[in-house]
Amino acid sequence: MDDYLTSLKVNFCRFVDDYRLFAPDAKTAHAWLTLLVERLYLEGLTINPSKTVIEDISSKTNTAGITERFKGTSSELRQPRIIVGYTGTIPTKFRELSEKDIEDLKDVATEELETKITSNEILHPNDVRKFLRIIVASGDYSKLSLFKLLVEKFPQFTPLLIDLMIKKENLIPKALKADIKTYFSELLSQGIKYPEYMLVSVVRLLGSEGYINRDALMEFFRNLKRNSGAYVGRAVLDALKSNVSRTDVLEIRQYYSRADLWEKRAIIKIVDDVLPEEEKRPWLRNITVHSSDDYFAIESFDKKKPKKQK
């Protein structure tokens, strides 16, 4: 475990099973914590969310103070600094507000929350949730201009934030949508190891109305590694299926032999939907021969004609 973290240049110290990671900012702290969790999972271990915190210690001048904070002497530290997502329950969907929620929140001022988001190095999850709910209740989607800070200071909220952006796409200012599209397109192209749940949400955004970026998705698909995750490849293909050209499909088709079972089915669906009959027929016939054991893949394009009633 220690060798793995050292190889990734993670700054840490450990005493028995107690780890301390020292990151330059919240974004890196979350990224390193994700690496730790994923590696522990391979070892059959997990972290204890109730004992795991991300804390800003930049103003601390002595280790004794830090130790006391980690022992729980500060009421601020007792507030949850991470959410259960690091053990598998990421908040991915933004639940629509009830009429009562809207009535209670529509006139609530956001200045204090905006100051926390812009000034604090560490964000509290309840503040993020409340800020997003007030935006929806008030209908002032221009305040989503703080989305970069939300993503970088609390990456776990990326799927929920993106779900909100997709659902309210028609209400978000055009210039802000362009900024959102550019930011997440660049994030996808950086080649940084992000958690799969985050990559899947970004892929979903860039395949959605108002944010579509086919070039970014194709480039990500080309550079996708086999260890990127169990689902992200399928997510890219799902995002591309309505936004690809014939040239794109011919390229995607070449990845069939290296794809996993679910990706193969997605590739077959794209080929069948986009290419003309005379061009796809020979390739699909070949698939029928070599993938005859995958009934669902074959059935997707070679449906048996119903027998006529006598």
C-alpha atoms as a PDB file:
ATOM      1  CA  MET A   1       0.000   0.000   0.000  1.00  0.00           C
ATOM      2  CA  ASP A   2       2.758   2.424   0.957  1.00  0.00           C
ATOM      3  CA  ASP A   3       4.756   1.604  -2.189  1.00  0.00           C
ATOM      4  CA  TYR A   4       1.666   2.244  -4.328  1.00  0.00           C
ATOM      5  CA  LEU A   5       1.040   5.694  -2.829  1.00  0.00           C
ATOM      6  CA  THR A   6       4.733   6.565  -3.065  1.00  0.00           C
ATOM      7  CA  SER A   7       4.816   5.583  -6.745  1.00  0.00           C
ATOM      8  CA  LEU A   8       1.989   8.079  -7.387  1.00  0.00           C
ATOM      9  CA  LYS A   9       3.852  10.813  -5.472  1.00  0.00           C
ATOM     10  CA  VAL A  10       1.231  11.029  -2.739  1.00  0.00           C
ATOM     11  CA  ASN A  11       2.538  12.852   0.334  1.00  0.00           C
ATOM     12  CA  PHE A  12       1.544  10.799   3.345  1.00  0.00           C
ATOM     13  CA  CYS A  13       2.570   9.324   6.648  1.00  0.00           C
ATOM     14  CA  ARG A  14       1.182   6.231   8.374  1.00  0.00           C
ATOM     15  CA  PHE A  15       1.098   4.748  11.854  1.00  0.00           C
ATOM     16  CA  VAL A  16      -0.197   1.158  11.756  1.00  0.00           C
ATOM     17  CA  ASP A  17      -3.543   1.581   9.898  1.00  0.00           C
ATOM     18  CA  ASP A  18      -3.856   5.330  10.453  1.00  0.00           C
ATOM     19  CA  TYR A  19      -3.054   7.374   7.325  1.00  0.00           C
ATOM     20  CA  ARG A  20      -2.470  11.121   6.940  1.00  0.00           C
ATOM     21  CA  LEU A  21      -2.352  12.518   3.392  1.00  0.00           C
ATOM     22  CA  PHE A  22      -0.930  16.030   2.921  1.00  0.00           C
ATOM     23  CA  ALA A  23      -2.276  17.649  -0.249  1.00  0.00           C
ATOM     24  CA  PRO A  24      -1.778  21.186  -1.586  1.00  0.00           C
ATOM     25  CA  ASP A  25      -5.507  21.774  -2.160  1.00  0.00           C
ATOM     26  CA  ALA A  26      -8.951  20.200  -1.757  1.00  0.00           C
ATOM     27  CA  LYS A  27      -9.060  18.897  -5.318  1.00  0.00           C
ATOM     28  CA  THR A  28      -5.825  16.949  -4.846  1.00  0.00           C
ATOM     29  CA  ALA A  29      -6.941  15.767  -1.399  1.00  0.00           C
ATOM     30  CA  HIS A  30     -10.092  14.218  -2.847  1.00  0.00           C
ATOM     31  CA  ALA A  31      -8.122  12.674  -5.720  1.00  0.00           C
ATOM     32  CA  TRP A  32      -5.581  11.114  -3.363  1.00  0.00           C
ATOM     33  CA  LEU A  33      -8.309   9.861  -1.041  1.00  0.00           C
ATOM     34  CA  THR A  34      -9.948   8.186  -4.035  1.00  0.00           C
ATOM     35  CA  LEU A  35      -6.648   6.475  -4.925  1.00  0.00           C
ATOM     36  CA  LEU A  36      -6.354   5.231  -1.356  1.00  0.00           C
ATOM     37  CA  VAL A  37      -9.913   3.898  -1.302  1.00  0.00           C
ATOM     38  CA  GLU A  38      -9.575   2.140  -4.664  1.00  0.00           C
ATOM     39  CA  ARG A  39      -6.313   0.489  -3.635  1.00  0.00           C
ATOM     40  CA  LEU A  40      -7.724  -0.606  -0.272  1.00  0.00           C
ATOM     41  CA  TYR A  41     -10.655  -2.159  -2.130  1.00  0.00           C
ATOM     42  CA  LEU A  42      -8.247  -4.348  -4.095  1.00  0.00           C
ATOM     43  CA  GLU A  43      -6.811  -5.496  -0.785  1.00  0.00           C
ATOM     44  CA  GLY A  44     -10.288  -6.315   0.541  1.00  0.00           C
ATOM     45  CA  LEU A  45     -10.301  -3.305   2.878  1.00  0.00           C
ATOM     46  CA  THR A  46     -12.292  -0.072   3.232  1.00  0.00           C
ATOM     47  CA  ILE A  47     -11.986   3.225   5.041  1.00  0.00           C
ATOM     48  CA  ASN A  48     -14.273   4.232   7.878  1.00  0.00           C
ATOM     49  CA  PRO A  49     -16.163   7.344   6.624  1.00  0.00           C
ATOM     50  CA  SER A  50     -17.029   8.413  10.163  1.00  0.00           C
ATOM     51  CA  LYS A  51     -13.322   8.666  10.989  1.00  0.00           C
ATOM     52  CA  THR A  52     -12.199  10.188   7.673  1.00  0.00           C
ATOM     53  CA  VAL A  53     -11.984  13.954   7.225  1.00  0.00           C
ATOM     54  CA  ILE A  54     -10.525  16.456   4.808  1.00  0.00           C
ATOM     55  CA  GLU A  55      -9.332  19.460   6.770  1.00  0.00           C
ATOM     56  CA  ASP A  56      -7.633  22.728   5.898  1.00  0.00           C
ATOM     57  CA  ILE A  57      -4.487  22.868   8.062  1.00  0.00           C
ATOM     58  CA  SER A  58      -2.774  25.659   6.133  1.00  0.00           C
ATOM     59  CA  SER A  59      -3.129  28.038   9.086  1.00  0.00           C
ATOM     60  CA  LYS A  60      -1.769  25.554  11.615  1.00  0.00           C
ATOM     61  CA  THR A  61       1.726  26.177  12.961  1.00  0.00           C
ATOM     62  CA  ASN A  62       2.207  23.187  15.245  1.00  0.00           C
ATOM     63  CA  THR A  63       1.465  19.506  14.948  1.00  0.00           C
ATOM     64  CA  ALA A  64      -0.029  19.342  18.434  1.00  0.00           C
ATOM     65  CA  GLY A  65      -2.923  21.510  17.302  1.00  0.00           C
ATOM     66  CA  ILE A  66      -3.487  19.313  14.293  1.00  0.00           C
ATOM     67  CA  THR A  67      -3.433  16.181  16.428  1.00  0.00           C
ATOM     68  CA  GLU A  68      -6.033  17.611  18.782  1.00  0.00           C
ATOM     69  CA  ARG A  69      -8.252  18.492  15.846  1.00  0.00           C
ATOM     70  CA  PHE A  70      -8.045  14.935  14.540  1.00  0.00           C
ATOM     71  CA  LYS A  71      -8.915  13.602  17.982  1.00  0.00           C
ATOM     72  CA  GLY A  72     -12.234  15.383  17.658  1.00  0.00           C
ATOM     73  CA  THR A  73     -11.815  18.192  20.165  1.00  0.00           C
ATOM     74  CA  SER A  74     -13.109  20.717  17.645  1.00  0.00           C
ATOM     75  CA  SER A  75     -16.854  20.841  16.998  1.00  0.00           C
ATOM     76  CA  GLU A  76     -16.135  21.932  13.434  1.00  0.00           C
ATOM     77  CA  LEU A  77     -14.213  18.730  12.760  1.00  0.00           C
ATOM     78  CA  ARG A  78     -17.149  16.634  13.914  1.00  0.00           C
ATOM     79  CA  GLN A  79     -19.106  17.878  10.939  1.00  0.00           C
ATOM     80  CA  PRO A  80     -18.819  15.341   8.091  1.00  0.00           C
ATOM     81  CA  ARG A  81     -16.060  16.313   5.694  1.00  0.00           C
ATOM     82  CA  ILE A  82     -16.702  13.478   3.264  1.00  0.00           C
ATOM     83  CA  ILE A  83     -19.917  11.823   2.254  1.00  0.00           C
ATOM     84  CA  VAL A  84     -20.620   8.123   2.035  1.00  0.00           C
ATOM     85  CA  GLY A  85     -19.680   8.128  -1.639  1.00  0.00           C
ATOM     86  CA  TYR A  86     -16.149   6.912  -0.999  1.00  0.00           C
ATOM     87  CA  THR A  87     -17.641   3.584   0.061  1.00  0.00           C
ATOM     88  CA  GLY A  88     -19.922   3.292  -2.937  1.00  0.00           C
ATOM     89  CA  THR A  89     -22.954   5.594  -2.584  1.00  0.00           C
ATOM     90  CA  ILE A  90     -22.257   8.659  -4.713  1.00  0.00           C
ATOM     91  CA  PRO A  91     -25.151  11.146  -5.007  1.00  0.00           C
ATOM     92  CA  THR A  92     -25.764  11.030  -8.760  1.00  0.00           C
ATOM     93  CA  LYS A  93     -29.280  12.424  -9.241  1.00  0.00           C
ATOM     94  CA  PHE A  94     -30.714  15.808  -8.346  1.00  0.00           C
ATOM     95  CA  ARG A  95     -34.154  15.280  -6.859  1.00  0.00           C
ATOM     96  CA  GLU A  96     -36.756  17.789  -7.990  1.00  0.00           C
ATOM     97  CA  LEU A  97     -37.966  20.161  -5.299  1.00  0.00           C
ATOM     98  CA  SER A  98     -41.460  19.961  -3.897  1.00  0.00           C
ATOM     99  CA  GLU A  99     -43.752  22.991  -3.946  1.00  0.00           C
ATOM    100  CA  LYS A 100     -43.071  23.451  -0.239  1.00  0.00           C
ATOM    101  CA  ASP A 101     -39.290  23.316  -0.840  1.00  0.00           C
ATOM    102  CA  ILE A 102     -39.591  25.973  -3.520  1.00  0.00           C
ATOM    103  CA  GLU A 103     -41.718  28.204  -1.291  1.00  0.00           C
ATOM    104  CA  ASP A 104     -39.262  27.851   1.600  1.00  0.00           C
ATOM    105  CA  LEU A 105     -36.099  28.444  -0.448  1.00  0.00           C
ATOM    106  CA  LYS A 106     -36.960  30.772  -3.312  1.00  0.00           C
ATOM    107  CA  ASP A 107     -36.256  33.970  -1.386  1.00  0.00           C
ATOM    108  CA  VAL A 108     -33.299  32.730   0.670  1.00  0.00           C
ATOM    109  CA  ALA A 109     -30.168  34.834   0.143  1.00  0.00           C
ATOM    110  CA  THR A 110     -27.067  33.005  -1.097  1.00  0.00           C
ATOM    111  CA  GLU A 111     -24.407  35.621  -0.301  1.00  0.00           C
ATOM    112  CA  GLU A 112     -23.102  33.766   2.753  1.00  0.00           C
ATOM    113  CA  LEU A 113     -22.960  30.459   0.903  1.00  0.00           C
ATOM    114  CA  GLU A 114     -21.251  32.086  -2.083  1.00  0.00           C
ATOM    115  CA  THR A 115     -18.624  33.555   0.255  1.00  0.00           C
ATOM    116  CA  LYS A 116     -17.957  30.102   1.736  1.00  0.00           C
ATOM    117  CA  ILE A 117     -17.650  28.560  -1.721  1.00  0.00           C
ATOM    118  CA  THR A 118     -15.228  31.192  -2.969  1.00  0.00           C
ATOM    119  CA  SER A 119     -13.196  31.658   0.233  1.00  0.00           C
ATOM    120  CA  ASN A 120     -13.097  28.361   2.105  1.00  0.00           C
ATOM    121  CA  GLU A 121     -10.599  25.724   1.044  1.00  0.00           C
ATOM    122  CA  ILE A 122     -12.869  22.965   2.342  1.00  0.00           C
ATOM    123  CA  LEU A 123     -16.609  22.924   1.657  1.00  0.00           C
ATOM    124  CA  HIS A 124     -19.268  21.331   3.824  1.00  0.00           C
ATOM    125  CA  PRO A 125     -21.605  19.007   1.866  1.00  0.00           C
ATOM    126  CA  ASN A 126     -24.707  20.554   3.433  1.00  0.00           C
ATOM    127  CA  ASP A 127     -23.665  23.988   2.153  1.00  0.00           C
ATOM    128  CA  VAL A 128     -23.255  22.639  -1.381  1.00  0.00           C
ATOM    129  CA  ARG A 129     -26.635  20.908  -1.321  1.00  0.00           C
ATOM    130  CA  LYS A 130     -28.402  23.987   0.056  1.00  0.00           C
ATOM    131  CA  PHE A 131     -26.765  26.278  -2.514  1.00  0.00           C
ATOM    132  CA  LEU A 132     -27.939  24.111  -5.430  1.00  0.00           C
ATOM    133  CA  ARG A 133     -31.453  23.802  -4.003  1.00  0.00           C
ATOM    134  CA  ILE A 134     -31.749  27.585  -3.600  1.00  0.00           C
ATOM    135  CA  ILE A 135     -30.634  28.093  -7.208  1.00  0.00           C
ATOM    136  CA  VAL A 136     -33.392  25.783  -8.434  1.00  0.00           C
ATOM    137  CA  ALA A 137     -36.034  27.271  -6.125  1.00  0.00           C
ATOM    138  CA  SER A 138     -35.204  30.851  -7.141  1.00  0.00           C
ATOM    139  CA  GLY A 139     -34.650  30.054 -10.820  1.00  0.00           C
ATOM    140  CA  ASP A 140     -31.432  32.097 -10.819  1.00  0.00           C
ATOM    141  CA  TYR A 141     -29.222  29.651 -12.736  1.00  0.00           C
ATOM    142  CA  SER A 142     -26.582  32.307 -13.405  1.00  0.00           C
ATOM    143  CA  LYS A 143     -25.273  31.442  -9.925  1.00  0.00           C
ATOM    144  CA  LEU A 144     -24.086  28.115 -11.340  1.00  0.00           C
ATOM    145  CA  SER A 145     -21.133  30.158 -12.584  1.00  0.00           C
ATOM    146  CA  LEU A 146     -19.462  28.909  -9.377  1.00  0.00           C
ATOM    147  CA  PHE A 147     -19.567  25.333 -10.714  1.00  0.00           C
ATOM    148  CA  LYS A 148     -15.776  25.125 -11.180  1.00  0.00           C
ATOM    149  CA  LEU A 149     -15.170  25.813  -7.497  1.00  0.00           C
ATOM    150  CA  LEU A 150     -17.791  23.249  -6.502  1.00  0.00           C
ATOM    151  CA  VAL A 151     -16.180  20.581  -8.692  1.00  0.00           C
ATOM    152  CA  GLU A 152     -12.640  21.319  -7.567  1.00  0.00           C
ATOM    153  CA  LYS A 153     -13.361  21.727  -3.861  1.00  0.00           C
ATOM    154  CA  PHE A 154     -15.857  18.868  -3.561  1.00  0.00           C
ATOM    155  CA  PRO A 155     -15.469  16.505  -6.560  1.00  0.00           C
ATOM    156  CA  GLN A 156     -17.905  13.971  -5.107  1.00  0.00           C
ATOM    157  CA  PHE A 157     -20.752  16.324  -6.003  1.00  0.00           C
ATOM    158  CA  THR A 158     -19.812  16.324  -9.701  1.00  0.00           C
ATOM    159  CA  PRO A 159     -22.431  13.699 -10.749  1.00  0.00           C
ATOM    160  CA  LEU A 160     -25.222  15.478  -8.855  1.00  0.00           C
ATOM    161  CA  LEU A 161     -24.185  18.884 -10.237  1.00  0.00           C
ATOM    162  CA  ILE A 162     -24.016  17.523 -13.782  1.00  0.00           C
ATOM    163  CA  ASP A 163     -27.430  15.880 -13.429  1.00  0.00           C
ATOM    164  CA  LEU A 164     -28.825  19.274 -12.422  1.00  0.00           C
ATOM    165  CA  MET A 165     -27.136  20.934 -15.427  1.00  0.00           C
ATOM    166  CA  ILE A 166     -28.650  18.365 -17.789  1.00  0.00           C
ATOM    167  CA  LYS A 167     -32.156  18.567 -16.323  1.00  0.00           C
ATOM    168  CA  LYS A 168     -32.196  22.391 -16.292  1.00  0.00           C
ATOM    169  CA  GLU A 169     -30.268  22.860 -19.566  1.00  0.00           C
ATOM    170  CA  ASN A 170     -32.956  25.043 -21.126  1.00  0.00           C
ATOM    171  CA  LEU A 171     -32.879  27.422 -18.127  1.00  0.00           C
ATOM    172  CA  ILE A 172     -29.110  27.934 -17.931  1.00  0.00           C
ATOM    173  CA  PRO A 173     -27.717  31.022 -19.732  1.00  0.00           C
ATOM    174  CA  LYS A 174     -26.184  30.194 -23.115  1.00  0.00           C
ATOM    175  CA  ALA A 175     -22.768  31.668 -22.289  1.00  0.00           C
ATOM    176  CA  LEU A 176     -22.622  29.685 -19.050  1.00  0.00           C
ATOM    177  CA  LYS A 177     -23.488  26.463 -20.897  1.00  0.00           C
ATOM    178  CA  ALA A 178     -20.612  27.115 -23.296  1.00  0.00           C
ATOM    179  CA  ASP A 179     -18.295  27.608 -20.313  1.00  0.00           C
ATOM    180  CA  ILE A 180     -19.532  24.357 -18.728  1.00  0.00           C
ATOM    181  CA  LYS A 181     -18.992  22.465 -21.970  1.00  0.00           C
ATOM    182  CA  THR A 182     -15.450  23.827 -22.393  1.00  0.00           C
ATOM    183  CA  TYR A 183     -14.455  23.125 -18.785  1.00  0.00           C
ATOM    184  CA  PHE A 184     -15.598  19.511 -18.756  1.00  0.00           C
ATOM    185  CA  SER A 185     -14.237  18.847 -22.246  1.00  0.00           C
ATOM    186  CA  GLU A 186     -10.819  19.961 -21.028  1.00  0.00           C
ATOM    187  CA  LEU A 187     -11.183  17.890 -17.865  1.00  0.00           C
ATOM    188  CA  LEU A 188     -11.876  14.813 -19.986  1.00  0.00           C
ATOM    189  CA  SER A 189      -8.792  15.426 -22.140  1.00  0.00           C
ATOM    190  CA  GLN A 190      -6.310  15.982 -19.309  1.00  0.00           C
ATOM    191  CA  GLY A 191      -5.472  12.325 -18.861  1.00  0.00           C
ATOM    192  CA  ILE A 192      -5.615  12.651 -15.071  1.00  0.00           C
ATOM    193  CA  LYS A 193      -6.806   9.595 -13.134  1.00  0.00           C
ATOM    194  CA  TYR A 194     -10.300  10.550 -12.033  1.00  0.00           C
ATOM    195  CA  PRO A 195     -12.726   8.166 -10.309  1.00  0.00           C
ATOM    196  CA  GLU A 196     -14.934   6.264 -12.745  1.00  0.00           C
ATOM    197  CA  TYR A 197     -18.134   7.718 -11.281  1.00  0.00           C
ATOM    198  CA  MET A 198     -16.864  11.198 -12.133  1.00  0.00           C
ATOM    199  CA  LEU A 199     -15.766  10.286 -15.666  1.00  0.00           C
ATOM    200  CA  VAL A 200     -19.116   8.637 -16.389  1.00  0.00           C
ATOM    201  CA  SER A 201     -20.999  11.768 -15.330  1.00  0.00           C
ATOM    202  CA  VAL A 202     -18.775  14.026 -17.482  1.00  0.00           C
ATOM    203  CA  VAL A 203     -19.230  11.711 -20.479  1.00  0.00           C
ATOM    204  CA  ARG A 204     -22.982  11.795 -19.925  1.00  0.00           C
ATOM    205  CA  LEU A 205     -22.943  15.617 -19.907  1.00  0.00           C
ATOM    206  CA  LEU A 206     -20.955  15.886 -23.151  1.00  0.00           C
ATOM    207  CA  GLY A 207     -23.432  13.577 -24.860  1.00  0.00           C
ATOM    208  CA  SER A 208     -26.469  15.577 -23.702  1.00  0.00           C
ATOM    209  CA  GLU A 209     -28.442  18.293 -25.459  1.00  0.00           C
ATOM    210  CA  GLY A 210     -26.880  21.720 -25.019  1.00  0.00           C
ATOM    211  CA  TYR A 211     -23.427  20.376 -24.143  1.00  0.00           C
ATOM    212  CA  ILE A 212     -22.659  17.875 -26.920  1.00  0.00           C
ATOM    213  CA  ASN A 213     -18.981  17.603 -27.793  1.00  0.00           C
ATOM    214  CA  ARG A 214     -18.491  14.688 -30.170  1.00  0.00           C
ATOM    215  CA  ASP A 215     -14.807  15.455 -30.762  1.00  0.00           C
ATOM    216  CA  ALA A 216     -14.014  15.348 -27.029  1.00  0.00           C
ATOM    217  CA  LEU A 217     -15.900  12.067 -26.600  1.00  0.00           C
ATOM    218  CA  MET A 218     -14.176  10.440 -29.580  1.00  0.00           C
ATOM    219  CA  GLU A 219     -10.747  11.524 -28.349  1.00  0.00           C
ATOM    220  CA  PHE A 220     -11.530  10.164 -24.886  1.00  0.00           C
ATOM    221  CA  PHE A 221     -12.709   6.871 -26.420  1.00  0.00           C
ATOM    222  CA  ARG A 222      -9.477   6.535 -28.410  1.00  0.00           C
ATOM    223  CA  ASN A 223      -7.351   7.015 -25.301  1.00  0.00           C
ATOM    224  CA  LEU A 224      -9.457   4.855 -22.999  1.00  0.00           C
ATOM    225  CA  LYS A 225      -7.400   2.288 -21.081  1.00  0.00           C
ATOM    226  CA  ARG A 226      -8.610  -1.146 -20.123  1.00  0.00           C
ATOM    227  CA  ASN A 227      -8.205  -0.335 -16.432  1.00  0.00           C
ATOM    228  CA  SER A 228     -10.193   2.898 -16.651  1.00  0.00           C
ATOM    229  CA  GLY A 229     -13.240   1.201 -15.158  1.00  0.00           C
ATOM    230  CA  ALA A 230     -15.900  -1.399 -15.737  1.00  0.00           C
ATOM    231  CA  TYR A 231     -18.555   0.945 -17.114  1.00  0.00           C
ATOM    232  CA  VAL A 232     -16.950   4.062 -18.549  1.00  0.00           C
ATOM    233  CA  GLY A 233     -16.377   2.506 -22.005  1.00  0.00           C
ATOM    234  CA  ARG A 234     -20.046   1.668 -22.343  1.00  0.00           C
ATOM    235  CA  ALA A 235     -20.952   5.156 -21.089  1.00  0.00           C
ATOM    236  CA  VAL A 236     -18.871   6.766 -23.862  1.00  0.00           C
ATOM    237  CA  LEU A 237     -20.519   4.599 -26.516  1.00  0.00           C
ATOM    238  CA  ASP A 238     -23.969   5.445 -25.152  1.00  0.00           C
ATOM    239  CA  ALA A 239     -23.107   9.159 -25.267  1.00  0.00           C
ATOM    240  CA  LEU A 240     -21.830   8.857 -28.835  1.00  0.00           C
ATOM    241  CA  LYS A 241     -24.586   6.723 -30.338  1.00  0.00           C
ATOM    242  CA  SER A 242     -26.787   9.660 -31.368  1.00  0.00           C
ATOM    243  CA  ASN A 243     -23.945  12.016 -32.260  1.00  0.00           C
ATOM    244  CA  VAL A 244     -21.606  10.068 -34.542  1.00  0.00           C
ATOM    245  CA  SER A 245     -20.849  10.317 -38.236  1.00  0.00           C
ATOM    246  CA  ARG A 246     -20.164   7.430 -40.608  1.00  0.00           C
ATOM    247  CA  THR A 247     -16.428   8.065 -40.273  1.00  0.00           C
ATOM    248  CA  ASP A 248     -16.684   7.857 -36.481  1.00  0.00           C
ATOM    249  CA  VAL A 249     -18.603   4.579 -36.676  1.00  0.00           C
ATOM    250  CA  LEU A 250     -15.998   2.996 -38.949  1.00  0.00           C
ATOM    251  CA  GLU A 251     -13.345   3.896 -36.379  1.00  0.00           C
ATOM    252  CA  ILE A 252     -15.412   2.699 -33.411  1.00  0.00           C
ATOM    253  CA  ARG A 253     -16.050  -0.596 -35.204  1.00  0.00           C
ATOM    254  CA  GLN A 254     -12.316  -1.362 -35.184  1.00  0.00           C
ATOM    255  CA  TYR A 255     -12.346  -1.553 -31.384  1.00  0.00           C
ATOM    256  CA  TYR A 256     -14.850  -4.428 -31.375  1.00  0.00           C
ATOM    257  CA  SER A 257     -12.332  -7.225 -30.865  1.00  0.00           C
ATOM    258  CA  ARG A 258     -10.841  -5.490 -27.814  1.00  0.00           C
ATOM    259  CA  ALA A 259     -14.152  -4.500 -26.243  1.00  0.00           C
ATOM    260  CA  ASP A 260     -15.820  -6.232 -23.309  1.00  0.00           C
ATOM    261  CA  LEU A 261     -19.201  -7.885 -23.696  1.00  0.00           C
ATOM    262  CA  TRP A 262     -21.312  -4.807 -22.937  1.00  0.00           C
ATOM    263  CA  GLU A 263     -19.172  -2.567 -25.141  1.00  0.00           C
ATOM    264  CA  LYS A 264     -19.487  -5.051 -28.018  1.00  0.00           C
ATOM    265  CA  ARG A 265     -23.251  -4.884 -27.801  1.00  0.00           C
ATOM    266  CA  ALA A 266     -23.105  -1.068 -27.807  1.00  0.00           C
ATOM    267  CA  ILE A 267     -20.788  -1.067 -30.850  1.00  0.00           C
ATOM    268  CA  ILE A 268     -23.126  -3.445 -32.710  1.00  0.00           C
ATOM    269  CA  LYS A 269     -26.045  -1.121 -31.952  1.00  0.00           C
ATOM    270  CA  ILE A 270     -24.164   1.929 -33.252  1.00  0.00           C
ATOM    271  CA  VAL A 271     -23.097   0.152 -36.450  1.00  0.00           C
ATOM    272  CA  ASP A 272     -26.634  -1.128 -37.032  1.00  0.00           C
ATOM    273  CA  ASP A 273     -28.204   2.301 -36.438  1.00  0.00           C
ATOM    274  CA  VAL A 274     -25.798   4.475 -38.449  1.00  0.00           C
ATOM    275  CA  LEU A 275     -24.305   2.559 -41.379  1.00  0.00           C
ATOM    276  CA  PRO A 276     -26.375   1.854 -44.511  1.00  0.00           C
ATOM    277  CA  GLU A 277     -27.610  -1.694 -45.054  1.00  0.00           C
ATOM    278  CA  GLU A 278     -25.127  -2.612 -47.788  1.00  0.00           C
ATOM    279  CA  GLU A 279     -22.195  -1.435 -45.696  1.00  0.00           C
ATOM    280  CA  LYS A 280     -23.096  -2.955 -42.340  1.00  0.00           C
ATOM    281  CA  ARG A 281     -24.450  -6.303 -43.578  1.00  0.00           C
ATOM    282  CA  PRO A 282     -21.087  -8.081 -44.227  1.00  0.00           C
ATOM    283  CA  TRP A 283     -19.653  -6.993 -40.879  1.00  0.00           C
ATOM    284  CA  LEU A 284     -22.776  -7.982 -38.949  1.00  0.00           C
ATOM    285  CA  ARG A 285     -22.842 -11.344 -40.718  1.00  0.00           C
ATOM    286  CA  ASN A 286     -19.277 -11.920 -39.556  1.00  0.00           C
ATOM    287  CA  ILE A 287     -20.295 -11.002 -36.012  1.00  0.00           C
ATOM    288  CA  THR A 288     -23.125 -13.528 -36.199  1.00  0.00           C
ATOM    289  CA  VAL A 289     -20.603 -16.269 -36.939  1.00  0.00           C
ATOM    290  CA  HIS A 290     -17.989 -15.332 -34.346  1.00  0.00           C
ATOM    291  CA  SER A 291     -20.291 -14.129 -31.549  1.00  0.00           C
ATOM    292  CA  SER A 292     -23.054 -16.685 -31.903  1.00  0.00           C
ATOM    293  CA  ASP A 293     -22.866 -17.487 -28.177  1.00  0.00           C
ATOM    294  CA  ASP A 294     -23.913 -13.926 -27.268  1.00  0.00           C
ATOM    295  CA  TYR A 295     -27.646 -14.196 -27.882  1.00  0.00           C
ATOM    296  CA  PHE A 296     -28.425 -10.632 -26.800  1.00  0.00           C
ATOM    297  CA  ALA A 297     -25.834  -9.131 -29.156  1.00  0.00           C
ATOM    298  CA  ILE A 298     -27.112 -11.110 -32.137  1.00  0.00           C
ATOM    299  CA  GLU A 299     -30.764 -10.509 -31.275  1.00  0.00           C
ATOM    300  CA  SER A 300     -30.169  -6.725 -31.317  1.00  0.00           C
ATOM    301  CA  PHE A 301     -29.741  -6.728 -35.115  1.00  0.00           C
ATOM    302  CA  ASP A 302     -30.826 -10.181 -36.300  1.00  0.00           C
ATOM    303  CA  LYS A 303     -34.338 -10.538 -34.973  1.00  0.00           C
ATOM    304  CA  LYS A 304     -36.097 -13.687 -36.054  1.00  0.00           C
ATOM    305  CA  LYS A 305     -39.166 -13.079 -38.140  1.00  0.00           C
ATOM    306  CA  PRO A 306     -42.350 -14.292 -36.418  1.00  0.00           C
ATOM    307  CA  LYS A 307     -43.834 -17.429 -37.916  1.00  0.00           C
ATOM    308  CA  LYS A 308     -47.047 -16.972 -39.847  1.00  0.00           C
ATOM    309  CA  GLN A 309     -50.184 -18.309 -38.256  1.00  0.00           C
ATOM    310  CA  LYS A 310     -51.745 -21.221 -40.140  1.00  0.00           C
END
